[in-house]
Amino acid sequence: MTVQHEAPSDGPAEALEVWIDQDLCTGDGICAQYAPDVFELDIDGLAYVKSTDDELLQEPGATAPVPLPLLRDVVDSAKDCPGDCIHVRRVADRVEVYGPDAE
């Protein structure tokens, strides 16, 4: 099944990063289905972000850049995540723009 999404029309234009709070991750894998280039489930059953080199980043609070072409998929992952554990924030000021702590 291919999931296609449009880019947010009102989203921020600045550089964004994403991180996952593994303490809240339910392991449903929705994020890895929506954006497999950004998210991956590890053998522990939890989701993690991936570096631009496709390396799984398992350090707590590890962040990965959000590629602009994948922004909608990452945002939808944050919105649809049953664990509310995906956080997308601006790199410049670290303000969360999508996710459970977004204003």
N, C-alpha and C. Protein backbone atom coordinates (compact mmCIF):
# COMPACT_ATOMS: atom_id res chain seq x y z
N MET A 1 0.84 -1.18 0.00
CA MET A 1 0.00 0.00 0.00
C MET A 1 0.88 1.24 0.00
N THR A 2 0.66 2.12 -0.93
CA THR A 2 1.41 3.36 -1.02
C THR A 2 0.59 4.48 -0.40
N VAL A 3 1.20 5.22 0.48
CA VAL A 3 0.53 6.34 1.13
C VAL A 3 1.11 7.61 0.54
N GLN A 4 0.24 8.44 -0.06
CA GLN A 4 0.69 9.70 -0.63
C GLN A 4 0.01 10.84 0.09
N HIS A 5 0.76 11.87 0.36
CA HIS A 5 0.23 13.02 1.07
C HIS A 5 0.73 14.28 0.41
N GLU A 6 -0.07 15.32 0.51
CA GLU A 6 0.35 16.62 0.01
C GLU A 6 1.13 17.35 1.08
N ALA A 7 2.01 18.25 0.65
CA ALA A 7 2.76 19.06 1.61
C ALA A 7 1.82 20.02 2.31
N PRO A 8 2.06 20.28 3.59
CA PRO A 8 1.22 21.25 4.29
C PRO A 8 1.29 22.61 3.62
N SER A 9 0.14 23.21 3.37
CA SER A 9 0.14 24.51 2.68
C SER A 9 0.47 25.65 3.64
N ASP A 10 0.21 25.44 4.93
CA ASP A 10 0.46 26.50 5.89
C ASP A 10 1.64 26.19 6.81
N GLY A 11 2.42 25.18 6.46
CA GLY A 11 3.52 24.75 7.31
C GLY A 11 4.70 25.69 7.26
N PRO A 12 5.59 25.56 8.22
CA PRO A 12 6.77 26.42 8.26
C PRO A 12 7.73 26.10 7.12
N ALA A 13 8.42 27.13 6.62
CA ALA A 13 9.35 26.95 5.52
C ALA A 13 10.76 26.70 6.02
N GLU A 14 11.00 26.91 7.32
CA GLU A 14 12.34 26.76 7.86
C GLU A 14 12.70 25.28 8.06
N ALA A 15 13.97 25.04 8.34
CA ALA A 15 14.46 23.68 8.54
C ALA A 15 13.80 23.07 9.78
N LEU A 16 13.40 21.80 9.64
CA LEU A 16 12.75 21.08 10.73
C LEU A 16 13.53 19.82 11.07
N GLU A 17 13.37 19.38 12.32
CA GLU A 17 13.95 18.12 12.76
C GLU A 17 12.87 17.34 13.49
N VAL A 18 13.05 16.03 13.58
CA VAL A 18 12.07 15.17 14.22
C VAL A 18 12.77 14.25 15.20
N TRP A 19 12.07 13.95 16.29
CA TRP A 19 12.59 12.99 17.26
C TRP A 19 11.41 12.20 17.83
N ILE A 20 11.72 11.04 18.38
CA ILE A 20 10.71 10.16 18.95
C ILE A 20 11.03 9.92 20.42
N ASP A 21 10.00 10.02 21.25
CA ASP A 21 10.12 9.68 22.67
C ASP A 21 9.80 8.18 22.80
N GLN A 22 10.83 7.35 22.88
CA GLN A 22 10.63 5.91 22.93
C GLN A 22 9.87 5.47 24.18
N ASP A 23 9.87 6.26 25.25
CA ASP A 23 9.11 5.91 26.45
C ASP A 23 7.61 5.89 26.17
N LEU A 24 7.17 6.61 25.15
CA LEU A 24 5.76 6.67 24.80
C LEU A 24 5.41 5.85 23.56
N CYS A 25 6.42 5.36 22.84
CA CYS A 25 6.20 4.63 21.60
C CYS A 25 5.45 3.33 21.87
N THR A 26 4.39 3.11 21.07
CA THR A 26 3.59 1.88 21.20
C THR A 26 4.03 0.81 20.21
N GLY A 27 4.93 1.15 19.30
CA GLY A 27 5.43 0.17 18.33
C GLY A 27 4.46 -0.19 17.23
N ASP A 28 3.45 0.65 16.99
CA ASP A 28 2.47 0.37 15.94
C ASP A 28 3.08 0.43 14.54
N GLY A 29 4.12 1.22 14.35
CA GLY A 29 4.80 1.28 13.07
C GLY A 29 4.16 2.18 12.03
N ILE A 30 3.17 2.97 12.44
CA ILE A 30 2.53 3.89 11.49
C ILE A 30 3.56 4.83 10.88
N CYS A 31 4.46 5.32 11.71
CA CYS A 31 5.48 6.26 11.22
C CYS A 31 6.36 5.63 10.15
N ALA A 32 6.76 4.38 10.37
CA ALA A 32 7.62 3.69 9.40
C ALA A 32 6.86 3.39 8.11
N GLN A 33 5.55 3.24 8.20
CA GLN A 33 4.75 3.03 6.98
C GLN A 33 4.63 4.33 6.20
N TYR A 34 4.40 5.45 6.90
CA TYR A 34 4.23 6.74 6.24
C TYR A 34 5.55 7.28 5.69
N ALA A 35 6.62 7.17 6.46
CA ALA A 35 7.90 7.79 6.08
C ALA A 35 9.06 6.83 6.39
N PRO A 36 9.21 5.75 5.62
CA PRO A 36 10.27 4.77 5.89
C PRO A 36 11.69 5.32 5.73
N ASP A 37 11.83 6.45 5.05
CA ASP A 37 13.16 7.06 4.92
C ASP A 37 13.55 7.83 6.18
N VAL A 38 12.58 8.07 7.06
CA VAL A 38 12.82 8.86 8.27
C VAL A 38 12.71 8.01 9.53
N PHE A 39 11.78 7.04 9.54
CA PHE A 39 11.50 6.23 10.72
C PHE A 39 11.72 4.74 10.44
N GLU A 40 12.09 4.01 11.51
CA GLU A 40 12.24 2.56 11.38
C GLU A 40 12.00 1.92 12.75
N LEU A 41 11.37 0.75 12.73
CA LEU A 41 11.21 -0.02 13.96
C LEU A 41 12.47 -0.84 14.16
N ASP A 42 12.95 -0.90 15.38
CA ASP A 42 14.13 -1.69 15.71
C ASP A 42 13.68 -3.04 16.26
N ILE A 43 14.62 -3.91 16.57
CA ILE A 43 14.29 -5.23 17.08
C ILE A 43 13.61 -5.19 18.43
N ASP A 44 13.72 -4.06 19.14
CA ASP A 44 13.04 -3.91 20.43
C ASP A 44 11.56 -3.56 20.25
N GLY A 45 11.12 -3.40 18.98
CA GLY A 45 9.73 -3.10 18.69
C GLY A 45 9.37 -1.64 18.75
N LEU A 46 10.35 -0.78 19.00
CA LEU A 46 10.11 0.66 19.10
C LEU A 46 10.60 1.38 17.85
N ALA A 47 10.00 2.54 17.59
CA ALA A 47 10.39 3.34 16.43
C ALA A 47 11.52 4.29 16.79
N TYR A 48 12.37 4.53 15.80
CA TYR A 48 13.50 5.45 15.93
C TYR A 48 13.60 6.27 14.65
N VAL A 49 14.24 7.43 14.73
CA VAL A 49 14.52 8.21 13.54
C VAL A 49 15.81 7.69 12.91
N LYS A 50 15.96 8.01 11.62
CA LYS A 50 17.15 7.60 10.89
C LYS A 50 17.92 8.83 10.42
N SER A 51 19.22 8.71 10.39
CA SER A 51 20.07 9.79 9.90
C SER A 51 19.95 9.89 8.39
N THR A 52 20.55 10.92 7.83
CA THR A 52 20.55 11.07 6.37
C THR A 52 21.34 9.95 5.71
N ASP A 53 22.19 9.26 6.48
CA ASP A 53 22.95 8.12 5.96
C ASP A 53 22.21 6.80 6.18
N ASP A 54 20.92 6.87 6.57
CA ASP A 54 20.07 5.70 6.79
C ASP A 54 20.46 4.90 8.03
N GLU A 55 21.18 5.55 8.96
CA GLU A 55 21.59 4.91 10.20
C GLU A 55 20.52 5.12 11.26
N LEU A 56 20.16 4.05 11.97
CA LEU A 56 19.19 4.14 13.05
C LEU A 56 19.80 4.88 14.23
N LEU A 57 19.14 5.92 14.69
CA LEU A 57 19.65 6.74 15.79
C LEU A 57 18.93 6.34 17.08
N GLN A 58 19.62 5.58 17.91
CA GLN A 58 18.99 5.00 19.09
C GLN A 58 19.26 5.74 20.39
N GLU A 59 20.01 6.83 20.33
CA GLU A 59 20.25 7.61 21.54
C GLU A 59 18.96 8.32 21.93
N PRO A 60 18.64 8.37 23.22
CA PRO A 60 17.44 9.10 23.64
C PRO A 60 17.49 10.56 23.18
N GLY A 61 16.40 11.02 22.56
CA GLY A 61 16.33 12.39 22.09
C GLY A 61 17.04 12.67 20.79
N ALA A 62 17.55 11.62 20.13
CA ALA A 62 18.25 11.81 18.85
C ALA A 62 17.30 12.42 17.83
N THR A 63 17.79 13.38 17.07
CA THR A 63 16.98 14.05 16.07
C THR A 63 17.49 13.75 14.67
N ALA A 64 16.58 13.88 13.71
CA ALA A 64 16.94 13.72 12.30
C ALA A 64 16.29 14.87 11.54
N PRO A 65 16.95 15.34 10.49
CA PRO A 65 16.35 16.40 9.69
C PRO A 65 15.11 15.86 8.96
N VAL A 66 14.15 16.74 8.74
CA VAL A 66 12.95 16.37 7.98
C VAL A 66 13.14 16.85 6.55
N PRO A 67 13.33 15.91 5.60
CA PRO A 67 13.47 16.33 4.20
C PRO A 67 12.16 16.95 3.72
N LEU A 68 12.23 18.09 3.06
CA LEU A 68 11.04 18.80 2.60
C LEU A 68 10.08 17.90 1.80
N PRO A 69 10.57 17.05 0.89
CA PRO A 69 9.63 16.20 0.16
C PRO A 69 8.85 15.21 1.05
N LEU A 70 9.36 14.95 2.24
CA LEU A 70 8.71 14.00 3.15
C LEU A 70 7.97 14.69 4.30
N LEU A 71 7.88 16.01 4.25
CA LEU A 71 7.28 16.76 5.35
C LEU A 71 5.86 16.29 5.65
N ARG A 72 5.01 16.19 4.65
CA ARG A 72 3.62 15.78 4.88
C ARG A 72 3.58 14.39 5.53
N ASP A 73 4.40 13.47 5.08
CA ASP A 73 4.40 12.12 5.65
C ASP A 73 4.85 12.14 7.11
N VAL A 74 5.84 12.95 7.43
CA VAL A 74 6.31 13.06 8.81
C VAL A 74 5.24 13.71 9.68
N VAL A 75 4.60 14.76 9.17
CA VAL A 75 3.54 15.44 9.92
C VAL A 75 2.37 14.48 10.16
N ASP A 76 1.98 13.74 9.13
CA ASP A 76 0.89 12.78 9.29
C ASP A 76 1.27 11.68 10.28
N SER A 77 2.53 11.29 10.30
CA SER A 77 2.99 10.31 11.29
C SER A 77 2.79 10.84 12.69
N ALA A 78 3.16 12.10 12.90
CA ALA A 78 3.00 12.71 14.23
C ALA A 78 1.53 12.81 14.61
N LYS A 79 0.69 13.17 13.65
CA LYS A 79 -0.75 13.33 13.93
C LYS A 79 -1.43 11.99 14.21
N ASP A 80 -1.03 10.94 13.49
CA ASP A 80 -1.70 9.64 13.58
C ASP A 80 -1.07 8.69 14.58
N CYS A 81 0.05 9.07 15.17
CA CYS A 81 0.75 8.19 16.11
C CYS A 81 -0.12 7.94 17.35
N PRO A 82 -0.44 6.67 17.65
CA PRO A 82 -1.27 6.39 18.83
C PRO A 82 -0.56 6.67 20.15
N GLY A 83 0.77 6.71 20.13
CA GLY A 83 1.52 6.98 21.36
C GLY A 83 1.83 8.45 21.58
N ASP A 84 1.46 9.31 20.61
CA ASP A 84 1.79 10.74 20.69
C ASP A 84 3.25 10.95 21.06
N CYS A 85 4.14 10.25 20.37
CA CYS A 85 5.56 10.29 20.73
C CYS A 85 6.45 10.94 19.68
N ILE A 86 5.88 11.40 18.57
CA ILE A 86 6.67 11.99 17.49
C ILE A 86 6.61 13.52 17.61
N HIS A 87 7.78 14.13 17.65
CA HIS A 87 7.91 15.57 17.84
C HIS A 87 8.66 16.17 16.64
N VAL A 88 8.05 17.17 16.02
CA VAL A 88 8.68 17.88 14.90
C VAL A 88 8.87 19.32 15.35
N ARG A 89 10.10 19.80 15.28
CA ARG A 89 10.37 21.16 15.74
C ARG A 89 11.29 21.88 14.76
N ARG A 90 11.22 23.22 14.86
CA ARG A 90 12.11 24.04 14.05
C ARG A 90 13.53 23.90 14.59
N VAL A 91 14.48 23.83 13.69
CA VAL A 91 15.88 23.71 14.09
C VAL A 91 16.35 25.02 14.73
N ALA A 92 15.94 26.15 14.17
CA ALA A 92 16.45 27.45 14.61
C ALA A 92 16.17 27.74 16.09
N ASP A 93 14.94 27.49 16.54
CA ASP A 93 14.60 27.85 17.92
C ASP A 93 14.07 26.66 18.73
N ARG A 94 14.07 25.47 18.14
CA ARG A 94 13.66 24.22 18.80
C ARG A 94 12.21 24.27 19.30
N VAL A 95 11.38 25.08 18.66
CA VAL A 95 9.96 25.14 19.01
C VAL A 95 9.23 24.03 18.25
N GLU A 96 8.43 23.26 18.97
CA GLU A 96 7.68 22.17 18.35
C GLU A 96 6.54 22.75 17.51
N VAL A 97 6.48 22.31 16.25
CA VAL A 97 5.44 22.80 15.35
C VAL A 97 4.40 21.72 15.03
N TYR A 98 4.77 20.46 15.19
CA TYR A 98 3.85 19.34 15.03
C TYR A 98 4.17 18.32 16.11
N GLY A 99 3.15 17.71 16.67
CA GLY A 99 3.35 16.73 17.72
C GLY A 99 2.59 17.10 18.97
N PRO A 100 2.74 16.30 20.01
CA PRO A 100 1.94 16.49 21.23
C PRO A 100 2.21 17.80 21.98
N ASP A 101 3.38 18.40 21.80
CA ASP A 101 3.71 19.63 22.51
C ASP A 101 3.58 20.87 21.64
N ALA A 102 3.04 20.72 20.42
CA ALA A 102 2.88 21.87 19.52
C ALA A 102 1.78 22.78 20.04
N GLU A 103 1.99 24.07 19.88
CA GLU A 103 1.00 25.04 20.36
C GLU A 103 -0.06 25.29 19.32
